[in-house]
Amino acid sequence: MWSGEQLDLGAYLARIGYDGPVGKDGELRPDLPTLYAVHRAHTGAIAFENLDVLLGRPVELGVKALEEKLVHGRRGGYCYEQNSLLAAALERIGFEVSGRGARNRTRGDTLLAVTHAVLVVTVEGEPWLCDAGFGHQGPREPVPLARPGADVVQGEWTYAVREEDEGILALSILREGVRRDLYAFSPQRYHPVDYVLLNHYSSTHPRSVFVGRVIVQHPGDSVRHPVRRALVGRELARLHADGRDERSSVDPDELLALLDREFGLRLSGRDAEELVRINRAGD
């Protein structure tokens, strides 16, 4: 379903810096330790970003296009790109992968459309939420779905899945003693063709949050950048596990250096110039 057979798995694993378990034959096993290792490496290595949307380029979801951009080009992407690439890699390894469409809940009581793509991976009969595309607040590792209500500790961050009516599952994050919903999704399976439709809205509709402003995020890692970071427009936010939320403004002339330093993103000369011009146009 996810065209995993088209993916250069070796190049992908090198891109994410995979250092997890490998079988005696050199192959990866479709088991839980491998799932954790791939998910953790992917979210640690590849930034969430919408720069192609801002530059007016189509966002392609074909496996070879994703490989060219995120793997060989060392760029990032948003949820449809990130999770389509992750799905292809997991399918190639041998995992059972299905898609879901989620509704963002980070804006309080505002009812938003289903525009977020997530994955459900089944390992030994147990379903796990896998999501490499929710930006700085997203989980770094798989989250079990068969144990609703249980705290899932990932380093200094705690998540939980709550079951609601009609089989809806909601993912929340615990910050400063308060649980905040991130998103919710139904049991309905989504396929790659469904993500093509959602991707079109997110990358082109004038009311999409991804149109007209820079959005680059990273959920942090345990070594170089333990703090979660989010650049939206000209504001850089740093989220700490203890609840601190540090914010600072970013001058357009500092944008390219910041993207490299904080998110590992380097653009070519023409793209870099255009991105700075667009960011400065807000003056």
Protein backbone atom coordinates (compact mmCIF):
# COMPACT_ATOMS: atom_id res chain seq x y z
CA MET A 1 0.00 0.00 0.00
CA TRP A 2 2.78 2.47 0.91
CA SER A 3 5.11 1.52 -1.98
CA GLY A 4 7.79 0.42 0.45
CA GLU A 5 9.42 -1.71 -2.23
CA GLN A 6 10.43 1.50 -4.04
CA LEU A 7 12.31 2.95 -1.06
CA ASP A 8 16.09 2.79 -0.75
CA LEU A 9 15.94 1.52 2.83
CA GLY A 10 19.70 1.72 3.35
CA ALA A 11 19.76 5.39 2.37
CA TYR A 12 16.78 6.09 4.65
CA LEU A 13 18.39 4.37 7.63
CA ALA A 14 21.61 6.30 7.03
CA ARG A 15 19.65 9.56 6.85
CA ILE A 16 17.99 9.01 10.23
CA GLY A 17 21.15 7.64 11.84
CA TYR A 18 19.54 4.32 12.72
CA ASP A 19 21.51 2.50 15.43
CA GLY A 20 18.88 0.01 16.58
CA PRO A 21 18.79 -3.79 16.49
CA VAL A 22 19.79 -5.66 13.35
CA GLY A 23 19.40 -9.40 12.74
CA LYS A 24 22.35 -11.74 12.21
CA ASP A 25 21.60 -11.67 8.50
CA GLY A 26 21.88 -7.86 8.50
CA GLU A 27 18.14 -7.40 8.04
CA LEU A 28 15.81 -5.46 10.34
CA ARG A 29 13.07 -7.43 12.08
CA PRO A 30 9.44 -6.18 12.20
CA ASP A 31 9.35 -6.28 15.99
CA LEU A 32 8.77 -3.74 18.77
CA PRO A 33 12.44 -2.88 19.49
CA THR A 34 12.96 -2.09 15.80
CA LEU A 35 9.77 0.00 15.65
CA TYR A 36 10.91 2.06 18.65
CA ALA A 37 14.38 2.54 17.20
CA VAL A 38 13.20 3.60 13.74
CA HIS A 39 10.55 5.98 15.11
CA ARG A 40 12.96 7.58 17.58
CA ALA A 41 15.67 7.99 14.94
CA HIS A 42 13.30 9.45 12.35
CA THR A 43 11.79 12.05 14.68
CA GLY A 44 15.23 12.99 15.94
CA ALA A 45 16.76 13.45 12.49
CA ILE A 46 14.12 14.97 10.20
CA ALA A 47 12.59 18.36 10.97
CA PHE A 48 8.95 19.29 10.48
CA GLU A 49 8.74 22.10 7.89
CA ASN A 50 6.51 23.72 5.27
CA LEU A 51 9.14 25.59 3.25
CA ASP A 52 8.07 24.19 -0.13
CA VAL A 53 4.52 25.40 0.51
CA LEU A 54 5.89 28.86 1.25
CA LEU A 55 8.01 28.77 -1.91
CA GLY A 56 4.95 27.92 -3.98
CA ARG A 57 6.01 24.40 -4.90
CA PRO A 58 3.74 21.35 -5.08
CA VAL A 59 4.20 18.92 -2.20
CA GLU A 60 4.73 15.50 -3.75
CA LEU A 61 3.87 12.35 -1.77
CA GLY A 62 5.27 9.68 -4.08
CA VAL A 63 7.92 7.55 -2.39
CA LYS A 64 10.71 8.47 -4.81
CA ALA A 65 9.90 12.18 -4.48
CA LEU A 66 9.93 11.87 -0.68
CA GLU A 67 13.20 9.98 -0.81
CA GLU A 68 14.77 12.63 -3.02
CA LYS A 69 13.67 15.50 -0.77
CA LEU A 70 13.82 14.15 2.79
CA VAL A 71 16.53 11.52 2.42
CA HIS A 72 18.98 12.61 -0.28
CA GLY A 73 18.13 16.32 -0.06
CA ARG A 74 18.23 16.22 3.76
CA ARG A 75 15.16 18.42 3.97
CA GLY A 76 12.18 18.04 6.27
CA GLY A 77 8.46 17.96 5.61
CA TYR A 78 5.06 18.12 7.22
CA CYS A 79 2.79 15.29 8.33
CA TYR A 80 1.82 13.81 4.95
CA GLU A 81 5.45 13.70 3.84
CA GLN A 82 6.91 12.53 7.15
CA ASN A 83 4.41 9.78 7.82
CA SER A 84 4.22 8.61 4.20
CA LEU A 85 7.99 8.16 4.24
CA LEU A 86 7.88 6.45 7.63
CA ALA A 87 5.06 4.17 6.44
CA ALA A 88 7.06 3.15 3.35
CA ALA A 89 10.11 2.35 5.48
CA LEU A 90 8.12 0.34 8.03
CA GLU A 91 6.28 -1.55 5.29
CA ARG A 92 9.61 -2.32 3.61
CA ILE A 93 10.89 -3.76 6.91
CA GLY A 94 7.79 -5.95 7.15
CA PHE A 95 5.44 -4.13 9.51
CA GLU A 96 1.66 -3.96 9.07
CA VAL A 97 0.93 -0.25 8.57
CA SER A 98 -2.37 1.58 8.14
CA GLY A 99 -3.24 5.28 8.05
CA ARG A 100 -5.64 7.41 10.07
CA GLY A 101 -6.94 10.96 9.71
CA ALA A 102 -6.72 13.07 12.87
CA ARG A 103 -8.40 16.28 14.04
CA ASN A 104 -6.06 18.82 15.66
CA ARG A 105 -7.21 19.83 19.16
CA THR A 106 -4.45 22.25 20.16
CA ARG A 107 -6.67 25.30 19.63
CA GLY A 108 -9.03 24.82 22.52
CA ASP A 109 -12.71 24.34 21.69
CA THR A 110 -12.33 25.35 18.05
CA LEU A 111 -13.57 22.51 15.84
CA LEU A 112 -11.02 21.93 13.10
CA ALA A 113 -11.27 19.71 10.04
CA VAL A 114 -9.48 16.37 9.81
CA THR A 115 -6.16 17.42 8.29
CA HIS A 116 -3.49 15.51 10.21
CA ALA A 117 -2.10 12.18 9.02
CA VAL A 118 -1.01 9.52 11.53
CA LEU A 119 -0.15 5.83 11.34
CA VAL A 120 -1.24 2.73 13.22
CA VAL A 121 1.31 -0.09 13.19
CA THR A 122 0.31 -3.55 14.42
CA VAL A 123 3.00 -5.62 16.14
CA GLU A 124 2.12 -9.10 17.41
CA GLY A 125 -1.58 -8.21 17.34
CA GLU A 126 -1.20 -4.94 19.30
CA PRO A 127 -1.80 -1.56 17.65
CA TRP A 128 0.68 1.30 18.13
CA LEU A 129 0.29 4.94 17.20
CA CYS A 130 3.24 6.13 15.13
CA ASP A 131 3.52 9.80 14.22
CA ALA A 132 6.64 11.52 12.92
CA GLY A 133 4.72 14.54 11.67
CA PHE A 134 3.14 16.51 14.51
CA GLY A 135 6.03 18.88 14.98
CA HIS A 136 7.48 19.93 18.31
CA GLN A 137 4.73 18.50 20.53
CA GLY A 138 4.54 15.10 18.85
CA PRO A 139 5.68 11.81 20.40
CA ARG A 140 9.27 10.74 19.82
CA GLU A 141 8.36 7.05 20.11
CA PRO A 142 5.36 4.81 19.35
CA VAL A 143 2.38 5.10 21.71
CA PRO A 144 0.39 1.96 22.62
CA LEU A 145 -3.28 2.10 21.66
CA ALA A 146 -4.43 -1.07 23.42
CA ARG A 147 -4.04 0.48 26.90
CA PRO A 148 -6.20 3.64 26.94
CA GLY A 149 -5.65 5.92 29.94
CA ALA A 150 -2.17 4.67 30.79
CA ASP A 151 0.66 7.20 31.03
CA VAL A 152 3.33 6.73 28.37
CA VAL A 153 6.61 8.29 29.52
CA GLN A 154 9.05 9.30 26.79
CA GLY A 155 12.09 10.84 28.46
CA GLU A 156 10.86 13.93 30.30
CA TRP A 157 7.55 14.01 28.42
CA THR A 158 4.36 12.08 29.20
CA TYR A 159 1.58 11.14 26.78
CA ALA A 160 -1.68 9.27 27.15
CA VAL A 161 -4.41 7.98 24.84
CA ARG A 162 -8.03 8.38 25.92
CA GLU A 163 -10.92 6.48 24.36
CA GLU A 164 -14.07 8.46 23.63
CA ASP A 165 -17.47 7.67 22.11
CA GLU A 166 -17.69 5.97 18.72
CA GLY A 167 -14.20 4.53 19.05
CA ILE A 168 -12.48 7.93 18.88
CA LEU A 169 -8.97 7.93 20.38
CA ALA A 170 -7.45 11.18 21.66
CA LEU A 171 -3.73 11.72 22.25
CA SER A 172 -2.80 14.12 25.06
CA ILE A 173 0.43 15.49 26.48
CA LEU A 174 1.03 16.24 30.16
CA ARG A 175 2.56 19.66 30.89
CA GLU A 176 2.66 21.43 34.26
CA GLY A 177 0.32 18.84 35.70
CA VAL A 178 -2.34 19.49 33.05
CA ARG A 179 -3.27 17.13 30.24
CA ARG A 180 -3.75 18.89 26.92
CA ASP A 181 -5.24 17.13 23.92
CA LEU A 182 -3.08 17.18 20.79
CA TYR A 183 -5.40 15.44 18.35
CA ALA A 184 -8.06 12.75 18.00
CA PHE A 185 -8.74 10.16 15.34
CA SER A 186 -11.39 7.57 14.46
CA PRO A 187 -10.90 3.87 13.62
CA GLN A 188 -11.52 4.58 9.92
CA ARG A 189 -8.54 3.56 7.79
CA TYR A 190 -6.96 6.16 5.53
CA HIS A 191 -5.02 5.29 2.39
CA PRO A 192 -2.29 7.18 0.52
CA VAL A 193 -4.89 8.54 -1.92
CA ASP A 194 -6.73 10.14 1.03
CA TYR A 195 -3.56 11.94 2.05
CA VAL A 196 -3.21 13.32 -1.48
CA LEU A 197 -6.54 15.11 -1.01
CA LEU A 198 -5.72 16.41 2.47
CA ASN A 199 -2.28 17.46 1.29
CA HIS A 200 -3.79 19.55 -1.49
CA TYR A 201 -5.91 21.51 0.99
CA SER A 202 -3.06 21.99 3.46
CA SER A 203 -0.59 23.17 0.83
CA THR A 204 -2.85 25.45 -1.24
CA HIS A 205 -5.98 26.63 0.56
CA PRO A 206 -5.69 30.26 1.72
CA ARG A 207 -7.07 29.34 5.15
CA SER A 208 -4.52 26.59 5.71
CA VAL A 209 -2.10 27.35 8.55
CA PHE A 210 0.76 26.25 6.30
CA VAL A 211 0.17 28.89 3.63
CA GLY A 212 1.88 32.27 3.91
CA ARG A 213 4.25 31.82 6.85
CA VAL A 214 7.31 29.85 7.88
CA ILE A 215 6.58 26.84 10.10
CA VAL A 216 9.56 24.74 11.17
CA GLN A 217 9.50 22.54 14.28
CA HIS A 218 11.40 19.78 16.03
CA PRO A 219 10.45 17.58 19.02
CA GLY A 220 14.03 17.61 20.30
CA ASP A 221 16.40 14.79 21.07
CA SER A 222 18.30 13.67 24.13
CA VAL A 223 21.73 14.85 23.02
CA ARG A 224 22.15 18.03 20.97
CA HIS A 225 18.72 19.65 21.37
CA PRO A 226 16.74 18.31 24.35
CA VAL A 227 14.45 21.36 24.19
CA ARG A 228 11.51 21.25 21.78
CA ARG A 229 11.58 24.08 19.25
CA ALA A 230 9.00 25.75 17.02
CA LEU A 231 9.56 28.56 14.54
CA VAL A 232 6.29 30.12 13.36
CA GLY A 233 6.62 33.24 11.26
CA ARG A 234 9.26 35.26 13.03
CA GLU A 235 8.82 33.81 16.51
CA LEU A 236 10.98 31.01 17.90
CA ALA A 237 9.50 29.10 20.85
CA ARG A 238 11.45 26.73 23.08
CA LEU A 239 9.37 24.31 25.12
CA HIS A 240 10.89 22.77 28.23
CA ALA A 241 9.55 19.68 29.98
CA ASP A 242 9.15 21.65 33.22
CA GLY A 243 6.60 23.92 31.54
CA ARG A 244 8.80 26.85 30.62
CA ASP A 245 7.98 28.39 27.27
CA GLU A 246 10.69 30.76 26.04
CA ARG A 247 9.92 32.94 23.04
CA SER A 248 12.07 35.27 20.99
CA SER A 249 11.74 37.16 17.71
CA VAL A 250 13.87 36.21 14.69
CA ASP A 251 15.16 38.87 12.33
CA PRO A 252 14.73 37.90 8.64
CA ASP A 253 18.47 38.29 8.14
CA GLU A 254 19.04 35.64 10.85
CA LEU A 255 16.55 33.14 9.40
CA LEU A 256 18.92 31.01 7.32
CA ALA A 257 21.50 30.67 10.08
CA LEU A 258 18.77 29.74 12.56
CA LEU A 259 17.32 27.07 10.25
CA ASP A 260 20.76 25.49 9.96
CA ARG A 261 21.67 25.76 13.64
CA GLU A 262 18.36 24.77 15.22
CA PHE A 263 16.80 22.45 12.63
CA GLY A 264 19.63 21.20 10.42
CA LEU A 265 18.05 22.72 7.29
CA ARG A 266 20.15 24.24 4.52
CA LEU A 267 18.58 25.68 1.39
CA SER A 268 20.18 26.32 -1.98
CA GLY A 269 21.14 29.88 -2.94
CA ARG A 270 18.01 30.77 -4.93
CA ASP A 271 15.63 29.11 -2.48
CA ALA A 272 17.41 30.76 0.43
CA GLU A 273 17.09 34.20 -1.13
CA GLU A 274 13.41 33.68 -1.92
CA LEU A 275 12.64 32.44 1.58
CA VAL A 276 14.27 35.47 3.17
CA ARG A 277 12.40 37.76 0.77
CA ILE A 278 9.05 36.18 1.65
CA ASN A 279 9.81 36.31 5.36
CA ARG A 280 10.84 39.96 5.11
CA ALA A 281 7.72 40.85 3.11
CA GLY A 282 5.76 40.88 6.36
CA ASP A 283 7.31 44.24 7.24
